[in-house]
Amino acid sequence: MLRIVAVGAMLVALLISIKEQRLLQRANLVGYCSTVAQAEDGSEWQKCVPGRLSGRPGMELTHCTDWGTHGDAEYWNCPSALDDKARRE
């Protein structure tokens, strides 16, 4: 009985961590964006890297401007700081 409870708890923990996508991002399975620089006017530069399963996320819907790629990363200039809920991944 204890084994069943332990396996169930491990599965729940795994599902929660996958839902938050941090585990998938660290394993490079899904693409993600991160802030690399922030200007005084509130604008920021985002670096988006591709994942093996989902590819590189697009930032067109957040009013960001594509500034091109360097290596496998794509750089975007966003007019104001984005919160996590506004980011389209």
C-alpha atoms as a PDB file:
ATOM      1  CA  MET A   1       0.000   0.000   0.000  1.00  0.00           C
ATOM      2  CA  LEU A   2       2.847   2.384   0.821  1.00  0.00           C
ATOM      3  CA  ARG A   3       4.396   1.802  -2.611  1.00  0.00           C
ATOM      4  CA  ILE A   4       1.162   2.742  -4.367  1.00  0.00           C
ATOM      5  CA  VAL A   5       0.907   5.990  -2.396  1.00  0.00           C
ATOM      6  CA  ALA A   6       4.584   6.815  -3.075  1.00  0.00           C
ATOM      7  CA  VAL A   7       4.233   6.186  -6.823  1.00  0.00           C
ATOM      8  CA  GLY A   8       1.035   8.227  -6.916  1.00  0.00           C
ATOM      9  CA  ALA A   9       2.710  11.150  -5.141  1.00  0.00           C
ATOM     10  CA  MET A  10       5.626  11.007  -7.577  1.00  0.00           C
ATOM     11  CA  LEU A  11       3.248  11.044 -10.557  1.00  0.00           C
ATOM     12  CA  VAL A  12       1.349  14.037  -9.164  1.00  0.00           C
ATOM     13  CA  ALA A  13       4.628  15.922  -8.613  1.00  0.00           C
ATOM     14  CA  LEU A  14       5.758  15.099 -12.156  1.00  0.00           C
ATOM     15  CA  LEU A  15       2.472  16.271 -13.672  1.00  0.00           C
ATOM     16  CA  ILE A  16       2.600  19.547 -11.737  1.00  0.00           C
ATOM     17  CA  SER A  17       6.170  20.273 -12.832  1.00  0.00           C
ATOM     18  CA  ILE A  18       5.345  19.470 -16.473  1.00  0.00           C
ATOM     19  CA  LYS A  19       2.286  21.715 -16.350  1.00  0.00           C
ATOM     20  CA  GLU A  20       4.437  24.635 -15.258  1.00  0.00           C
ATOM     21  CA  GLN A  21       6.709  23.908 -18.280  1.00  0.00           C
ATOM     22  CA  ARG A  22       9.945  24.671 -16.416  1.00  0.00           C
ATOM     23  CA  LEU A  23      10.980  21.040 -16.580  1.00  0.00           C
ATOM     24  CA  LEU A  24      10.247  20.915 -20.304  1.00  0.00           C
ATOM     25  CA  GLN A  25      12.135  24.186 -20.899  1.00  0.00           C
ATOM     26  CA  ARG A  26      15.217  22.964 -19.031  1.00  0.00           C
ATOM     27  CA  ALA A  27      15.178  19.781 -21.102  1.00  0.00           C
ATOM     28  CA  ASN A  28      14.962  21.951 -24.302  1.00  0.00           C
ATOM     29  CA  LEU A  29      11.744  20.240 -25.351  1.00  0.00           C
ATOM     30  CA  VAL A  30       9.664  23.435 -25.621  1.00  0.00           C
ATOM     31  CA  GLY A  31      10.861  26.847 -26.767  1.00  0.00           C
ATOM     32  CA  TYR A  32      10.897  29.822 -24.441  1.00  0.00           C
ATOM     33  CA  CYS A  33      11.786  33.501 -24.261  1.00  0.00           C
ATOM     34  CA  SER A  34      13.807  35.338 -21.645  1.00  0.00           C
ATOM     35  CA  THR A  35      14.690  38.980 -21.062  1.00  0.00           C
ATOM     36  CA  VAL A  36      18.315  39.775 -21.916  1.00  0.00           C
ATOM     37  CA  ALA A  37      18.291  43.575 -21.495  1.00  0.00           C
ATOM     38  CA  GLN A  38      15.933  46.280 -20.288  1.00  0.00           C
ATOM     39  CA  ALA A  39      16.071  49.982 -21.185  1.00  0.00           C
ATOM     40  CA  GLU A  40      15.185  52.922 -18.939  1.00  0.00           C
ATOM     41  CA  ASP A  41      12.030  53.645 -20.965  1.00  0.00           C
ATOM     42  CA  GLY A  42      10.619  50.216 -20.033  1.00  0.00           C
ATOM     43  CA  SER A  43      11.326  48.504 -23.331  1.00  0.00           C
ATOM     44  CA  GLU A  44      13.179  45.240 -23.235  1.00  0.00           C
ATOM     45  CA  TRP A  45      15.029  42.777 -25.445  1.00  0.00           C
ATOM     46  CA  GLN A  46      13.764  39.204 -25.479  1.00  0.00           C
ATOM     47  CA  LYS A  47      15.792  36.188 -26.588  1.00  0.00           C
ATOM     48  CA  CYS A  48      13.665  33.281 -27.827  1.00  0.00           C
ATOM     49  CA  VAL A  49      15.213  29.847 -28.268  1.00  0.00           C
ATOM     50  CA  PRO A  50      13.563  26.882 -29.984  1.00  0.00           C
ATOM     51  CA  GLY A  51      12.612  23.613 -28.389  1.00  0.00           C
ATOM     52  CA  ARG A  52      12.822  20.185 -29.973  1.00  0.00           C
ATOM     53  CA  LEU A  53       9.054  19.669 -29.844  1.00  0.00           C
ATOM     54  CA  SER A  54       7.503  23.120 -30.195  1.00  0.00           C
ATOM     55  CA  GLY A  55      10.024  25.239 -32.086  1.00  0.00           C
ATOM     56  CA  ARG A  56      10.709  28.896 -31.350  1.00  0.00           C
ATOM     57  CA  PRO A  57       7.872  30.946 -29.789  1.00  0.00           C
ATOM     58  CA  GLY A  58       6.635  33.981 -31.707  1.00  0.00           C
ATOM     59  CA  MET A  59       6.182  37.382 -30.102  1.00  0.00           C
ATOM     60  CA  GLU A  60       4.169  39.074 -32.892  1.00  0.00           C
ATOM     61  CA  LEU A  61       0.975  39.242 -30.842  1.00  0.00           C
ATOM     62  CA  THR A  62       2.691  41.161 -28.025  1.00  0.00           C
ATOM     63  CA  HIS A  63       3.622  44.123 -30.290  1.00  0.00           C
ATOM     64  CA  CYS A  64       7.293  43.142 -30.318  1.00  0.00           C
ATOM     65  CA  THR A  65       9.571  43.747 -33.297  1.00  0.00           C
ATOM     66  CA  ASP A  66      11.686  40.916 -34.708  1.00  0.00           C
ATOM     67  CA  TRP A  67      15.357  41.957 -34.934  1.00  0.00           C
ATOM     68  CA  GLY A  68      16.668  38.735 -36.427  1.00  0.00           C
ATOM     69  CA  THR A  69      18.457  35.609 -35.351  1.00  0.00           C
ATOM     70  CA  HIS A  70      21.910  34.879 -34.003  1.00  0.00           C
ATOM     71  CA  GLY A  71      22.741  31.196 -33.867  1.00  0.00           C
ATOM     72  CA  ASP A  72      19.551  29.396 -32.896  1.00  0.00           C
ATOM     73  CA  ALA A  73      18.159  32.329 -30.875  1.00  0.00           C
ATOM     74  CA  GLU A  74      15.778  34.984 -32.197  1.00  0.00           C
ATOM     75  CA  TYR A  75      15.870  38.487 -30.698  1.00  0.00           C
ATOM     76  CA  TRP A  76      12.827  40.698 -30.207  1.00  0.00           C
ATOM     77  CA  ASN A  77      12.488  44.309 -29.070  1.00  0.00           C
ATOM     78  CA  CYS A  78       9.347  44.863 -27.013  1.00  0.00           C
ATOM     79  CA  PRO A  79       7.957  48.364 -26.341  1.00  0.00           C
ATOM     80  CA  SER A  80       7.329  47.778 -22.630  1.00  0.00           C
ATOM     81  CA  ALA A  81       8.060  45.108 -20.065  1.00  0.00           C
ATOM     82  CA  LEU A  82       5.967  41.984 -20.516  1.00  0.00           C
ATOM     83  CA  ASP A  83       4.572  39.985 -17.665  1.00  0.00           C
ATOM     84  CA  ASP A  84       4.428  36.200 -17.843  1.00  0.00           C
ATOM     85  CA  LYS A  85       0.721  36.171 -18.702  1.00  0.00           C
ATOM     86  CA  ALA A  86       1.180  38.496 -21.695  1.00  0.00           C
ATOM     87  CA  ARG A  87       3.962  36.383 -23.177  1.00  0.00           C
ATOM     88  CA  ARG A  88       2.858  34.121 -26.014  1.00  0.00           C
ATOM     89  CA  GLU A  89       4.710  30.818 -25.867  1.00  0.00           C
END
